[in-house]
Amino acid sequence: MASTLEAKVVTSGPLDYGVEHVGWSAHGAEADRFIVMRNFDEPDGCCLLANEATYYGGVERIEVTEGETRFVVSEEAAAALGTATEIVIRYPAELATTDQLRTILTRLIST
C-alpha cells in the first residue's frame, strides 16, 4: 500500500547555499511534508525528507501527472523515511505545472 500525502502547498526553487528543491506540504509547516532537494556542489545526490526523516538517494522512479506525483523508492529509503516504497502526493493542479515539475524533479534525482 502506498504512503499518501494530500498537499495544499507546493514549493520549488533555490534555497540557501546552492540547494534546489521541490516540496509538498499538507499544512505549510514542518509536519506532513515531503521534500526532494539537491546541492549540486555535493556528491551525495538528491536528498529526500519525509516529516523528520532524511535519506540520500533511493529514488527508483518518478511519475508526474496533473495534480499528482508518484515516487517509487528503494526498500532502504522507505525504511529510513518511515514510508511505503510507493509515495503518492496529490495536490490541486493549479499549484504546479506538470511539465515544469517533471523537469525539475528529473534534474534533482539524476546522477
PDB file of N, CA and C in Angstrom:
ATOM      1  N   MET A   1       0.842  -1.177   0.000  1.00  0.00           N
ATOM      2  CA  MET A   1       0.000   0.000   0.000  1.00  0.00           C
ATOM      3  C   MET A   1       0.891   1.246   0.000  1.00  0.00           C
ATOM      4  N   ALA A   2       0.513   2.227  -0.746  1.00  0.00           N
ATOM      5  CA  ALA A   2       1.301   3.455  -0.901  1.00  0.00           C
ATOM      6  C   ALA A   2       1.110   4.390   0.290  1.00  0.00           C
ATOM      7  N   SER A   3       2.155   5.155   0.579  1.00  0.00           N
ATOM      8  CA  SER A   3       2.036   6.270   1.510  1.00  0.00           C
ATOM      9  C   SER A   3       1.484   7.443   0.716  1.00  0.00           C
ATOM     10  N   THR A   4       0.486   8.138   1.255  1.00  0.00           N
ATOM     11  CA  THR A   4      -0.173   9.214   0.527  1.00  0.00           C
ATOM     12  C   THR A   4      -0.120  10.513   1.318  1.00  0.00           C
ATOM     13  N   LEU A   5       0.147  11.602   0.603  1.00  0.00           N
ATOM     14  CA  LEU A   5       0.124  12.945   1.189  1.00  0.00           C
ATOM     15  C   LEU A   5      -0.822  13.793   0.359  1.00  0.00           C
ATOM     16  N   GLU A   6      -1.816  14.361   0.998  1.00  0.00           N
ATOM     17  CA  GLU A   6      -2.722  15.312   0.347  1.00  0.00           C
ATOM     18  C   GLU A   6      -2.170  16.699   0.628  1.00  0.00           C
ATOM     19  N   ALA A   7      -1.470  17.263  -0.335  1.00  0.00           N
ATOM     20  CA  ALA A   7      -0.766  18.525  -0.127  1.00  0.00           C
ATOM     21  C   ALA A   7      -1.622  19.725  -0.505  1.00  0.00           C
ATOM     22  N   LYS A   8      -1.438  20.790   0.249  1.00  0.00           N
ATOM     23  CA  LYS A   8      -2.094  22.063  -0.049  1.00  0.00           C
ATOM     24  C   LYS A   8      -1.081  23.123  -0.465  1.00  0.00           C
ATOM     25  N   VAL A   9       0.216  22.802  -0.290  1.00  0.00           N
ATOM     26  CA  VAL A   9       1.290  23.728  -0.625  1.00  0.00           C
ATOM     27  C   VAL A   9       2.326  22.988  -1.460  1.00  0.00           C
ATOM     28  N   VAL A  10       2.737  23.594  -2.573  1.00  0.00           N
ATOM     29  CA  VAL A  10       3.824  23.064  -3.396  1.00  0.00           C
ATOM     30  C   VAL A  10       4.831  24.193  -3.574  1.00  0.00           C
ATOM     31  N   THR A  11       6.105  23.920  -3.267  1.00  0.00           N
ATOM     32  CA  THR A  11       7.151  24.925  -3.431  1.00  0.00           C
ATOM     33  C   THR A  11       8.277  24.336  -4.274  1.00  0.00           C
ATOM     34  N   SER A  12       9.006  25.199  -4.938  1.00  0.00           N
ATOM     35  CA  SER A  12      10.187  24.750  -5.678  1.00  0.00           C
ATOM     36  C   SER A  12      11.111  25.935  -5.886  1.00  0.00           C
ATOM     37  N   GLY A  13      12.359  25.615  -6.185  1.00  0.00           N
ATOM     38  CA  GLY A  13      13.322  26.656  -6.473  1.00  0.00           C
ATOM     39  C   GLY A  13      14.558  26.557  -5.620  1.00  0.00           C
ATOM     40  N   PRO A  14      15.420  27.559  -5.725  1.00  0.00           N
ATOM     41  CA  PRO A  14      16.673  27.540  -4.965  1.00  0.00           C
ATOM     42  C   PRO A  14      16.453  27.879  -3.496  1.00  0.00           C
ATOM     43  N   LEU A  15      17.269  27.236  -2.661  1.00  0.00           N
ATOM     44  CA  LEU A  15      17.339  27.556  -1.241  1.00  0.00           C
ATOM     45  C   LEU A  15      18.742  28.112  -0.989  1.00  0.00           C
ATOM     46  N   ASP A  16      19.113  28.281   0.243  1.00  0.00           N
ATOM     47  CA  ASP A  16      20.455  28.765   0.569  1.00  0.00           C
ATOM     48  C   ASP A  16      21.534  27.799   0.109  1.00  0.00           C
ATOM     49  N   TYR A  17      22.722  28.309  -0.104  1.00  0.00           N
ATOM     50  CA  TYR A  17      23.923  27.524  -0.370  1.00  0.00           C
ATOM     51  C   TYR A  17      23.832  26.662  -1.631  1.00  0.00           C
ATOM     52  N   GLY A  18      23.138  27.113  -2.652  1.00  0.00           N
ATOM     53  CA  GLY A  18      23.087  26.390  -3.919  1.00  0.00           C
ATOM     54  C   GLY A  18      22.211  25.160  -3.929  1.00  0.00           C
ATOM     55  N   VAL A  19      21.350  25.017  -2.947  1.00  0.00           N
ATOM     56  CA  VAL A  19      20.454  23.865  -2.875  1.00  0.00           C
ATOM     57  C   VAL A  19      19.164  24.190  -3.615  1.00  0.00           C
ATOM     58  N   GLU A  20      18.734  23.269  -4.481  1.00  0.00           N
ATOM     59  CA  GLU A  20      17.446  23.399  -5.157  1.00  0.00           C
ATOM     60  C   GLU A  20      16.493  22.365  -4.578  1.00  0.00           C
ATOM     61  N   HIS A  21      15.184  22.657  -4.649  1.00  0.00           N
ATOM     62  CA  HIS A  21      14.233  21.739  -4.029  1.00  0.00           C
ATOM     63  C   HIS A  21      12.880  21.757  -4.727  1.00  0.00           C
ATOM     64  N   VAL A  22      12.107  20.710  -4.447  1.00  0.00           N
ATOM     65  CA  VAL A  22      10.666  20.673  -4.679  1.00  0.00           C
ATOM     66  C   VAL A  22      10.081  20.120  -3.390  1.00  0.00           C
ATOM     67  N   GLY A  23       9.052  20.767  -2.882  1.00  0.00           N
ATOM     68  CA  GLY A  23       8.455  20.312  -1.634  1.00  0.00           C
ATOM     69  C   GLY A  23       6.945  20.373  -1.664  1.00  0.00           C
ATOM     70  N   TRP A  24       6.343  19.475  -0.926  1.00  0.00           N
ATOM     71  CA  TRP A  24       4.889  19.422  -0.788  1.00  0.00           C
ATOM     72  C   TRP A  24       4.571  19.395   0.697  1.00  0.00           C
ATOM     73  N   SER A  25       3.510  20.054   1.092  1.00  0.00           N
ATOM     74  CA  SER A  25       3.127  20.066   2.496  1.00  0.00           C
ATOM     75  C   SER A  25       1.616  20.110   2.619  1.00  0.00           C
ATOM     76  N   ALA A  26       1.123  19.410   3.616  1.00  0.00           N
ATOM     77  CA  ALA A  26      -0.316  19.418   3.873  1.00  0.00           C
ATOM     78  C   ALA A  26      -0.746  20.719   4.536  1.00  0.00           C
ATOM     79  N   HIS A  27       0.141  21.320   5.319  1.00  0.00           N
ATOM     80  CA  HIS A  27      -0.229  22.498   6.101  1.00  0.00           C
ATOM     81  C   HIS A  27       0.725  23.672   5.933  1.00  0.00           C
ATOM     82  N   GLY A  28       1.779  23.509   5.157  1.00  0.00           N
ATOM     83  CA  GLY A  28       2.771  24.564   5.030  1.00  0.00           C
ATOM     84  C   GLY A  28       3.686  24.651   6.229  1.00  0.00           C
ATOM     85  N   ALA A  29       3.695  23.596   7.047  1.00  0.00           N
ATOM     86  CA  ALA A  29       4.523  23.580   8.249  1.00  0.00           C
ATOM     87  C   ALA A  29       5.476  22.384   8.196  1.00  0.00           C
ATOM     88  N   GLU A  30       6.141  22.114   9.290  1.00  0.00           N
ATOM     89  CA  GLU A  30       7.119  21.030   9.349  1.00  0.00           C
ATOM     90  C   GLU A  30       6.486  19.648   9.216  1.00  0.00           C
ATOM     91  N   ALA A  31       5.310  19.432   9.768  1.00  0.00           N
ATOM     92  CA  ALA A  31       4.684  18.117   9.738  1.00  0.00           C
ATOM     93  C   ALA A  31       4.004  17.877   8.392  1.00  0.00           C
ATOM     94  N   ASP A  32       3.797  16.619   8.072  1.00  0.00           N
ATOM     95  CA  ASP A  32       3.093  16.229   6.848  1.00  0.00           C
ATOM     96  C   ASP A  32       3.718  16.884   5.621  1.00  0.00           C
ATOM     97  N   ARG A  33       4.977  16.572   5.379  1.00  0.00           N
ATOM     98  CA  ARG A  33       5.664  17.158   4.239  1.00  0.00           C
ATOM     99  C   ARG A  33       6.543  16.112   3.565  1.00  0.00           C
ATOM    100  N   PHE A  34       6.874  16.382   2.316  1.00  0.00           N
ATOM    101  CA  PHE A  34       7.816  15.564   1.564  1.00  0.00           C
ATOM    102  C   PHE A  34       8.624  16.515   0.696  1.00  0.00           C
ATOM    103  N   ILE A  35       9.934  16.425   0.780  1.00  0.00           N
ATOM    104  CA  ILE A  35      10.807  17.342   0.046  1.00  0.00           C
ATOM    105  C   ILE A  35      11.890  16.545  -0.676  1.00  0.00           C
ATOM    106  N   VAL A  36      12.141  16.933  -1.914  1.00  0.00           N
ATOM    107  CA  VAL A  36      13.276  16.417  -2.673  1.00  0.00           C
ATOM    108  C   VAL A  36      14.198  17.606  -2.873  1.00  0.00           C
ATOM    109  N   MET A  37      15.463  17.468  -2.460  1.00  0.00           N
ATOM    110  CA  MET A  37      16.377  18.576  -2.657  1.00  0.00           C
ATOM    111  C   MET A  37      17.757  18.057  -3.021  1.00  0.00           C
ATOM    112  N   ARG A  38      18.560  18.958  -3.579  1.00  0.00           N
ATOM    113  CA  ARG A  38      19.895  18.573  -4.008  1.00  0.00           C
ATOM    114  C   ARG A  38      20.813  19.777  -4.012  1.00  0.00           C
ATOM    115  N   ASN A  39      22.015  19.562  -3.491  1.00  0.00           N
ATOM    116  CA  ASN A  39      23.074  20.538  -3.588  1.00  0.00           C
ATOM    117  C   ASN A  39      24.010  20.036  -4.682  1.00  0.00           C
ATOM    118  N   PHE A  40      24.039  20.715  -5.811  1.00  0.00           N
ATOM    119  CA  PHE A  40      24.821  20.250  -6.952  1.00  0.00           C
ATOM    120  C   PHE A  40      26.322  20.398  -6.723  1.00  0.00           C
ATOM    121  N   ASP A  41      26.731  21.034  -5.625  1.00  0.00           N
ATOM    122  CA  ASP A  41      28.144  21.130  -5.275  1.00  0.00           C
ATOM    123  C   ASP A  41      28.605  19.937  -4.438  1.00  0.00           C
ATOM    124  N   GLU A  42      27.679  19.090  -4.008  1.00  0.00           N
ATOM    125  CA  GLU A  42      27.983  17.944  -3.157  1.00  0.00           C
ATOM    126  C   GLU A  42      27.779  16.639  -3.943  1.00  0.00           C
ATOM    127  N   PRO A  43      28.556  15.604  -3.642  1.00  0.00           N
ATOM    128  CA  PRO A  43      28.458  14.346  -4.389  1.00  0.00           C
ATOM    129  C   PRO A  43      27.345  13.410  -3.915  1.00  0.00           C
ATOM    130  N   ASP A  44      26.594  13.774  -2.890  1.00  0.00           N
ATOM    131  CA  ASP A  44      25.635  12.855  -2.284  1.00  0.00           C
ATOM    132  C   ASP A  44      24.388  12.588  -3.122  1.00  0.00           C
ATOM    133  N   GLY A  45      24.131  13.358  -4.151  1.00  0.00           N
ATOM    134  CA  GLY A  45      22.909  13.174  -4.929  1.00  0.00           C
ATOM    135  C   GLY A  45      21.730  13.833  -4.254  1.00  0.00           C
ATOM    136  N   CYS A  46      20.543  13.368  -4.594  1.00  0.00           N
ATOM    137  CA  CYS A  46      19.350  14.008  -4.042  1.00  0.00           C
ATOM    138  C   CYS A  46      19.119  13.567  -2.606  1.00  0.00           C
ATOM    139  N   CYS A  47      18.427  14.398  -1.888  1.00  0.00           N
ATOM    140  CA  CYS A  47      18.094  14.153  -0.501  1.00  0.00           C
ATOM    141  C   CYS A  47      16.575  14.147  -0.386  1.00  0.00           C
ATOM    142  N   LEU A  48      16.029  13.115   0.235  1.00  0.00           N
ATOM    143  CA  LEU A  48      14.586  13.019   0.460  1.00  0.00           C
ATOM    144  C   LEU A  48      14.303  13.304   1.924  1.00  0.00           C
ATOM    145  N   LEU A  49      13.306  14.122   2.174  1.00  0.00           N
ATOM    146  CA  LEU A  49      12.866  14.379   3.538  1.00  0.00           C
ATOM    147  C   LEU A  49      11.383  14.060   3.627  1.00  0.00           C
ATOM    148  N   ALA A  50      11.028  13.242   4.592  1.00  0.00           N
ATOM    149  CA  ALA A  50       9.624  12.933   4.862  1.00  0.00           C
ATOM    150  C   ALA A  50       9.414  13.171   6.348  1.00  0.00           C
ATOM    151  N   ASN A  51       8.621  14.181   6.650  1.00  0.00           N
ATOM    152  CA  ASN A  51       8.413  14.599   8.035  1.00  0.00           C
ATOM    153  C   ASN A  51       9.762  14.908   8.665  1.00  0.00           C
ATOM    154  N   GLU A  52      10.231  14.161   9.616  1.00  0.00           N
ATOM    155  CA  GLU A  52      11.503  14.457  10.285  1.00  0.00           C
ATOM    156  C   GLU A  52      12.652  13.575   9.797  1.00  0.00           C
ATOM    157  N   ALA A  53      12.405  12.642   8.892  1.00  0.00           N
ATOM    158  CA  ALA A  53      13.433  11.700   8.441  1.00  0.00           C
ATOM    159  C   ALA A  53      14.101  12.183   7.156  1.00  0.00           C
ATOM    160  N   THR A  54      15.368  11.764   6.971  1.00  0.00           N
ATOM    161  CA  THR A  54      16.153  12.169   5.808  1.00  0.00           C
ATOM    162  C   THR A  54      16.834  10.941   5.213  1.00  0.00           C
ATOM    163  N   TYR A  55      16.899  10.876   3.881  1.00  0.00           N
ATOM    164  CA  TYR A  55      17.608   9.790   3.207  1.00  0.00           C
ATOM    165  C   TYR A  55      18.217  10.338   1.924  1.00  0.00           C
ATOM    166  N   TYR A  56      19.466   9.970   1.638  1.00  0.00           N
ATOM    167  CA  TYR A  56      20.132  10.404   0.409  1.00  0.00           C
ATOM    168  C   TYR A  56      20.002   9.328  -0.650  1.00  0.00           C
ATOM    169  N   GLY A  57      19.498   9.731  -1.826  1.00  0.00           N
ATOM    170  CA  GLY A  57      19.319   8.788  -2.930  1.00  0.00           C
ATOM    171  C   GLY A  57      18.063   7.956  -2.735  1.00  0.00           C
ATOM    172  N   GLY A  58      18.022   6.812  -3.375  1.00  0.00           N
ATOM    173  CA  GLY A  58      16.922   5.877  -3.155  1.00  0.00           C
ATOM    174  C   GLY A  58      15.732   6.032  -4.079  1.00  0.00           C
ATOM    175  N   VAL A  59      15.705   7.063  -4.924  1.00  0.00           N
ATOM    176  CA  VAL A  59      14.578   7.232  -5.839  1.00  0.00           C
ATOM    177  C   VAL A  59      14.787   6.315  -7.040  1.00  0.00           C
ATOM    178  N   GLU A  60      13.860   5.409  -7.244  1.00  0.00           N
ATOM    179  CA  GLU A  60      13.951   4.485  -8.369  1.00  0.00           C
ATOM    180  C   GLU A  60      13.147   4.959  -9.570  1.00  0.00           C
ATOM    181  N   ARG A  61      12.055   5.656  -9.308  1.00  0.00           N
ATOM    182  CA  ARG A  61      11.206   6.130 -10.412  1.00  0.00           C
ATOM    183  C   ARG A  61      10.298   7.254  -9.917  1.00  0.00           C
ATOM    184  N   ILE A  62      10.020   8.205 -10.818  1.00  0.00           N
ATOM    185  CA  ILE A  62       9.014   9.232 -10.537  1.00  0.00           C
ATOM    186  C   ILE A  62       8.034   9.269 -11.698  1.00  0.00           C
ATOM    187  N   GLU A  63       6.824   9.645 -11.382  1.00  0.00           N
ATOM    188  CA  GLU A  63       5.786   9.841 -12.402  1.00  0.00           C
ATOM    189  C   GLU A  63       5.005  11.084 -12.007  1.00  0.00           C
ATOM    190  N   VAL A  64       5.001  12.067 -12.891  1.00  0.00           N
ATOM    191  CA  VAL A  64       4.296  13.315 -12.615  1.00  0.00           C
ATOM    192  C   VAL A  64       3.137  13.436 -13.591  1.00  0.00           C
ATOM    193  N   THR A  65       1.942  13.537 -13.051  1.00  0.00           N
ATOM    194  CA  THR A  65       0.753  13.792 -13.854  1.00  0.00           C
ATOM    195  C   THR A  65       0.055  15.009 -13.249  1.00  0.00           C
ATOM    196  N   GLU A  66      -0.947  15.497 -13.896  1.00  0.00           N
ATOM    197  CA  GLU A  66      -1.633  16.690 -13.402  1.00  0.00           C
ATOM    198  C   GLU A  66      -2.216  16.433 -12.018  1.00  0.00           C
ATOM    199  N   GLY A  67      -1.727  17.189 -11.038  1.00  0.00           N
ATOM    200  CA  GLY A  67      -2.249  17.099  -9.679  1.00  0.00           C
ATOM    201  C   GLY A  67      -1.744  15.919  -8.862  1.00  0.00           C
ATOM    202  N   GLU A  68      -0.758  15.169  -9.388  1.00  0.00           N
ATOM    203  CA  GLU A  68      -0.263  14.013  -8.643  1.00  0.00           C
ATOM    204  C   GLU A  68       1.178  13.701  -9.033  1.00  0.00           C
ATOM    205  N   THR A  69       1.985  13.378  -8.041  1.00  0.00           N
ATOM    206  CA  THR A  69       3.350  12.916  -8.265  1.00  0.00           C
ATOM    207  C   THR A  69       3.525  11.622  -7.488  1.00  0.00           C
ATOM    208  N   ARG A  70       4.064  10.612  -8.167  1.00  0.00           N
ATOM    209  CA  ARG A  70       4.332   9.309  -7.549  1.00  0.00           C
ATOM    210  C   ARG A  70       5.828   9.051  -7.546  1.00  0.00           C
ATOM    211  N   PHE A  71       6.319   8.594  -6.416  1.00  0.00           N
ATOM    212  CA  PHE A  71       7.707   8.188  -6.274  1.00  0.00           C
ATOM    213  C   PHE A  71       7.742   6.708  -5.943  1.00  0.00           C
ATOM    214  N   VAL A  72       8.666   5.991  -6.527  1.00  0.00           N
ATOM    215  CA  VAL A  72       8.997   4.647  -6.075  1.00  0.00           C
ATOM    216  C   VAL A  72      10.407   4.756  -5.529  1.00  0.00           C
ATOM    217  N   VAL A  73      10.557   4.378  -4.269  1.00  0.00           N
ATOM    218  CA  VAL A  73      11.850   4.479  -3.604  1.00  0.00           C
ATOM    219  C   VAL A  73      12.307   3.088  -3.180  1.00  0.00           C
ATOM    220  N   SER A  74      13.594   2.961  -2.929  1.00  0.00           N
ATOM    221  CA  SER A  74      14.159   1.681  -2.518  1.00  0.00           C
ATOM    222  C   SER A  74      13.615   1.267  -1.149  1.00  0.00           C
ATOM    223  N   GLU A  75      13.758  -0.017  -0.849  1.00  0.00           N
ATOM    224  CA  GLU A  75      13.353  -0.528   0.473  1.00  0.00           C
ATOM    225  C   GLU A  75      14.100   0.206   1.583  1.00  0.00           C
ATOM    226  N   GLU A  76      15.391   0.462   1.347  1.00  0.00           N
ATOM    227  CA  GLU A  76      16.204   1.144   2.346  1.00  0.00           C
ATOM    228  C   GLU A  76      15.700   2.572   2.588  1.00  0.00           C
ATOM    229  N   ALA A  77      15.383   3.271   1.494  1.00  0.00           N
ATOM    230  CA  ALA A  77      14.858   4.638   1.627  1.00  0.00           C
ATOM    231  C   ALA A  77      13.524   4.630   2.358  1.00  0.00           C
ATOM    232  N   ALA A  78      12.644   3.708   1.989  1.00  0.00           N
ATOM    233  CA  ALA A  78      11.329   3.624   2.631  1.00  0.00           C
ATOM    234  C   ALA A  78      11.468   3.362   4.131  1.00  0.00           C
ATOM    235  N   ALA A  79      12.369   2.457   4.494  1.00  0.00           N
ATOM    236  CA  ALA A  79      12.570   2.148   5.916  1.00  0.00           C
ATOM    237  C   ALA A  79      13.084   3.375   6.669  1.00  0.00           C
ATOM    238  N   ALA A  80      14.045   4.079   6.077  1.00  0.00           N
ATOM    239  CA  ALA A  80      14.616   5.258   6.733  1.00  0.00           C
ATOM    240  C   ALA A  80      13.601   6.391   6.855  1.00  0.00           C
ATOM    241  N   LEU A  81      12.754   6.544   5.834  1.00  0.00           N
ATOM    242  CA  LEU A  81      11.775   7.635   5.810  1.00  0.00           C
ATOM    243  C   LEU A  81      10.492   7.299   6.553  1.00  0.00           C
ATOM    244  N   GLY A  82      10.280   6.016   6.853  1.00  0.00           N
ATOM    245  CA  GLY A  82       9.041   5.604   7.506  1.00  0.00           C
ATOM    246  C   GLY A  82       7.853   5.638   6.563  1.00  0.00           C
ATOM    247  N   THR A  83       8.106   5.341   5.282  1.00  0.00           N
ATOM    248  CA  THR A  83       7.059   5.349   4.263  1.00  0.00           C
ATOM    249  C   THR A  83       6.995   3.989   3.586  1.00  0.00           C
ATOM    250  N   ALA A  84       6.021   3.829   2.722  1.00  0.00           N
ATOM    251  CA  ALA A  84       5.984   2.674   1.830  1.00  0.00           C
ATOM    252  C   ALA A  84       6.977   2.927   0.695  1.00  0.00           C
ATOM    253  N   THR A  85       7.246   1.912  -0.111  1.00  0.00           N
ATOM    254  CA  THR A  85       8.148   2.108  -1.249  1.00  0.00           C
ATOM    255  C   THR A  85       7.496   2.947  -2.337  1.00  0.00           C
ATOM    256  N   GLU A  86       6.185   3.065  -2.323  1.00  0.00           N
ATOM    257  CA  GLU A  86       5.488   3.969  -3.245  1.00  0.00           C
ATOM    258  C   GLU A  86       4.920   5.123  -2.436  1.00  0.00           C
ATOM    259  N   ILE A  87       5.255   6.328  -2.860  1.00  0.00           N
ATOM    260  CA  ILE A  87       4.787   7.543  -2.194  1.00  0.00           C
ATOM    261  C   ILE A  87       3.964   8.323  -3.209  1.00  0.00           C
ATOM    262  N   VAL A  88       2.713   8.587  -2.885  1.00  0.00           N
ATOM    263  CA  VAL A  88       1.806   9.313  -3.770  1.00  0.00           C
ATOM    264  C   VAL A  88       1.483  10.654  -3.132  1.00  0.00           C
ATOM    265  N   ILE A  89       1.715  11.716  -3.890  1.00  0.00           N
ATOM    266  CA  ILE A  89       1.420  13.060  -3.405  1.00  0.00           C
ATOM    267  C   ILE A  89       0.385  13.667  -4.330  1.00  0.00           C
ATOM    268  N   ARG A  90      -0.735  14.056  -3.769  1.00  0.00           N
ATOM    269  CA  ARG A  90      -1.813  14.686  -4.540  1.00  0.00           C
ATOM    270  C   ARG A  90      -1.938  16.137  -4.107  1.00  0.00           C
ATOM    271  N   TYR A  91      -2.238  16.994  -5.094  1.00  0.00           N
ATOM    272  CA  TYR A  91      -2.317  18.427  -4.815  1.00  0.00           C
ATOM    273  C   TYR A  91      -3.197  19.071  -5.869  1.00  0.00           C
ATOM    274  N   PRO A  92      -3.789  20.221  -5.561  1.00  0.00           N
ATOM    275  CA  PRO A  92      -4.569  20.930  -6.569  1.00  0.00           C
ATOM    276  C   PRO A  92      -3.690  21.234  -7.787  1.00  0.00           C
ATOM    277  N   ALA A  93      -4.161  20.889  -8.969  1.00  0.00           N
ATOM    278  CA  ALA A  93      -3.373  21.016 -10.198  1.00  0.00           C
ATOM    279  C   ALA A  93      -2.870  22.435 -10.438  1.00  0.00           C
ATOM    280  N   GLU A  94      -3.599  23.427  -9.958  1.00  0.00           N
ATOM    281  CA  GLU A  94      -3.179  24.813 -10.203  1.00  0.00           C
ATOM    282  C   GLU A  94      -1.937  25.209  -9.384  1.00  0.00           C
ATOM    283  N   LEU A  95      -1.521  24.372  -8.446  1.00  0.00           N
ATOM    284  CA  LEU A  95      -0.353  24.691  -7.637  1.00  0.00           C
ATOM    285  C   LEU A  95       0.972  24.413  -8.342  1.00  0.00           C
ATOM    286  N   ALA A  96       0.969  23.565  -9.365  1.00  0.00           N
ATOM    287  CA  ALA A  96       2.226  23.211 -10.031  1.00  0.00           C
ATOM    288  C   ALA A  96       1.971  22.820 -11.477  1.00  0.00           C
ATOM    289  N   THR A  97       2.796  23.323 -12.376  1.00  0.00           N
ATOM    290  CA  THR A  97       2.721  22.958 -13.779  1.00  0.00           C
ATOM    291  C   THR A  97       3.385  21.605 -13.960  1.00  0.00           C
ATOM    292  N   THR A  98       2.668  20.654 -14.537  1.00  0.00           N
ATOM    293  CA  THR A  98       3.146  19.281 -14.662  1.00  0.00           C
ATOM    294  C   THR A  98       4.493  19.192 -15.361  1.00  0.00           C
ATOM    295  N   ASP A  99       4.646  19.821 -16.516  1.00  0.00           N
ATOM    296  CA  ASP A  99       5.906  19.730 -17.260  1.00  0.00           C
ATOM    297  C   ASP A  99       7.063  20.351 -16.489  1.00  0.00           C
ATOM    298  N   GLN A 100       6.826  21.486 -15.874  1.00  0.00           N
ATOM    299  CA  GLN A 100       7.888  22.152 -15.115  1.00  0.00           C
ATOM    300  C   GLN A 100       8.301  21.298 -13.915  1.00  0.00           C
ATOM    301  N   LEU A 101       7.342  20.740 -13.213  1.00  0.00           N
ATOM    302  CA  LEU A 101       7.625  19.901 -12.057  1.00  0.00           C
ATOM    303  C   LEU A 101       8.401  18.656 -12.477  1.00  0.00           C
ATOM    304  N   ARG A 102       7.989  18.036 -13.560  1.00  0.00           N
ATOM    305  CA  ARG A 102       8.680  16.855 -14.078  1.00  0.00           C
ATOM    306  C   ARG A 102      10.138  17.190 -14.417  1.00  0.00           C
ATOM    307  N   THR A 103      10.367  18.322 -15.069  1.00  0.00           N
ATOM    308  CA  THR A 103      11.723  18.740 -15.445  1.00  0.00           C
ATOM    309  C   THR A 103      12.597  18.970 -14.213  1.00  0.00           C
ATOM    310  N   ILE A 104      12.068  19.668 -13.224  1.00  0.00           N
ATOM    311  CA  ILE A 104      12.828  19.948 -12.010  1.00  0.00           C
ATOM    312  C   ILE A 104      13.148  18.668 -11.272  1.00  0.00           C
ATOM    313  N   LEU A 105      12.163  17.786 -11.101  1.00  0.00           N
ATOM    314  CA  LEU A 105      12.402  16.538 -10.358  1.00  0.00           C
ATOM    315  C   LEU A 105      13.400  15.638 -11.077  1.00  0.00           C
ATOM    316  N   THR A 106      13.312  15.572 -12.388  1.00  0.00           N
ATOM    317  CA  THR A 106      14.260  14.762 -13.147  1.00  0.00           C
ATOM    318  C   THR A 106      15.686  15.267 -12.925  1.00  0.00           C
ATOM    319  N   ARG A 107      15.834  16.563 -12.932  1.00  0.00           N
ATOM    320  CA  ARG A 107      17.149  17.168 -12.700  1.00  0.00           C
ATOM    321  C   ARG A 107      17.645  16.875 -11.277  1.00  0.00           C
ATOM    322  N   LEU A 108      16.763  16.939 -10.298  1.00  0.00           N
ATOM    323  CA  LEU A 108      17.169  16.735  -8.916  1.00  0.00           C
ATOM    324  C   LEU A 108      17.582  15.298  -8.625  1.00  0.00           C
ATOM    325  N   ILE A 109      16.922  14.327  -9.247  1.00  0.00           N
ATOM    326  CA  ILE A 109      17.241  12.924  -8.934  1.00  0.00           C
ATOM    327  C   ILE A 109      18.259  12.309  -9.877  1.00  0.00           C
ATOM    328  N   SER A 110      18.595  12.993 -10.961  1.00  0.00           N
ATOM    329  CA  SER A 110      19.593  12.447 -11.892  1.00  0.00           C
ATOM    330  C   SER A 110      20.960  12.456 -11.241  1.00  0.00           C
ATOM    331  N   THR A 111      21.750  11.465 -11.612  1.00  0.00           N
ATOM    332  CA  THR A 111      23.095  11.392 -11.035  1.00  0.00           C
ATOM    333  C   THR A 111      24.091  12.132 -11.892  1.00  0.00           C
TER     334      THR A 111
END
